[in-house]
């Protein structure tokens, strides 16, 4: 799980072009969106959807569950672990 979390952090930095952010800067439990944590926006959410498809072959089946899945790096990792084939 720790490797997956670090991979996810690196992928988020690369795919979202988060300049001046390192893997160590990202709190695993912190919110990805809003004023706390990384402060991502809806465009970033679309990029994360593409990231899940590209690296893990996963699609978000129920868009309403996206808010819970995308809450933090940990919730993303939990979703990947539970749904990866």
Protein backbone atom coordinates (compact mmCIF):
# COMPACT_ATOMS: atom_id res chain seq x y z
CA UNK A 1 0.00 0.00 0.00
CA UNK A 2 2.86 2.38 0.82
CA UNK A 3 4.35 1.86 -2.67
CA UNK A 4 0.97 2.56 -4.27
CA UNK A 5 0.56 5.75 -2.24
CA UNK A 6 4.03 7.01 -3.24
CA UNK A 7 3.37 6.08 -6.89
CA UNK A 8 0.06 7.97 -6.78
CA UNK A 9 1.71 11.06 -5.31
CA UNK A 10 4.38 11.01 -8.05
CA UNK A 11 1.72 10.50 -10.74
CA UNK A 12 -0.38 13.38 -9.39
CA UNK A 13 2.66 15.68 -9.40
CA UNK A 14 3.53 14.70 -12.99
CA UNK A 15 0.03 14.59 -14.49
CA UNK A 16 -1.19 17.80 -12.81
CA UNK A 17 2.09 19.67 -13.38
CA UNK A 18 2.41 20.51 -9.68
CA UNK A 19 5.57 22.58 -9.77
CA UNK A 20 7.56 22.93 -6.55
CA UNK A 21 5.67 19.99 -4.97
CA UNK A 22 7.47 16.81 -3.92
CA UNK A 23 6.09 13.42 -2.90
CA UNK A 24 7.04 14.30 0.70
CA UNK A 25 5.00 17.54 0.51
CA UNK A 26 1.72 15.68 -0.09
CA UNK A 27 -0.06 14.57 3.08
CA UNK A 28 -1.64 11.17 2.41
CA UNK A 29 -4.73 12.03 4.49
CA UNK A 30 -5.14 15.68 3.46
CA UNK A 31 -8.00 16.74 1.17
CA UNK A 32 -7.00 17.04 -2.48
CA UNK A 33 -9.64 19.68 -3.27
CA UNK A 34 -10.71 22.94 -1.67
CA UNK A 35 -8.71 25.34 0.45
CA UNK A 36 -6.84 22.64 2.37
CA UNK A 37 -4.29 20.15 1.10
CA UNK A 38 -3.38 20.53 -2.57
CA UNK A 39 -6.28 22.85 -3.42
CA UNK A 40 -7.14 21.09 -6.68
CA UNK A 41 -10.11 22.08 -8.87
CA UNK A 42 -12.58 20.42 -11.25
CA UNK A 43 -10.11 20.40 -14.16
CA UNK A 44 -7.70 18.50 -11.92
CA UNK A 45 -10.49 16.01 -11.14
CA UNK A 46 -10.76 15.23 -14.85
CA UNK A 47 -7.01 14.68 -14.98
CA UNK A 48 -7.24 12.27 -12.02
CA UNK A 49 -9.98 10.32 -13.85
CA UNK A 50 -7.63 10.01 -16.83
CA UNK A 51 -4.79 9.01 -14.51
CA UNK A 52 -6.89 6.18 -13.02
CA UNK A 53 -7.71 4.92 -16.52
CA UNK A 54 -4.16 5.29 -17.85
CA UNK A 55 -2.21 3.70 -14.98
CA UNK A 56 -4.76 1.39 -13.35
CA UNK A 57 -7.38 0.62 -16.02
CA UNK A 58 -10.13 1.89 -13.73
CA UNK A 59 -13.21 3.92 -14.56
CA UNK A 60 -15.41 5.66 -12.00
CA UNK A 61 -18.71 3.86 -12.54
CA UNK A 62 -20.81 6.10 -10.31
CA UNK A 63 -19.91 9.81 -10.67
CA UNK A 64 -21.56 10.53 -7.30
CA UNK A 65 -18.97 8.38 -5.56
CA UNK A 66 -16.15 10.47 -7.06
CA UNK A 67 -16.20 12.95 -4.19
CA UNK A 68 -15.44 10.18 -1.69
CA UNK A 69 -12.91 8.44 -3.92
CA UNK A 70 -11.05 11.69 -4.70
CA UNK A 71 -11.01 13.01 -1.12
CA UNK A 72 -7.34 12.23 -0.46
CA UNK A 73 -4.41 10.20 -1.75
CA UNK A 74 -5.37 7.51 0.79
CA UNK A 75 -8.96 7.25 -0.50
CA UNK A 76 -7.65 7.04 -4.07
CA UNK A 77 -5.25 4.25 -3.05
CA UNK A 78 -8.05 2.42 -1.23
CA UNK A 79 -10.26 2.63 -4.34
CA UNK A 80 -7.47 1.34 -6.60
CA UNK A 81 -6.68 -1.52 -4.21
CA UNK A 82 -10.34 -2.55 -3.97
CA UNK A 83 -11.06 -2.34 -7.72
CA UNK A 84 -7.84 -3.26 -9.50
CA UNK A 85 -8.08 -6.53 -11.36
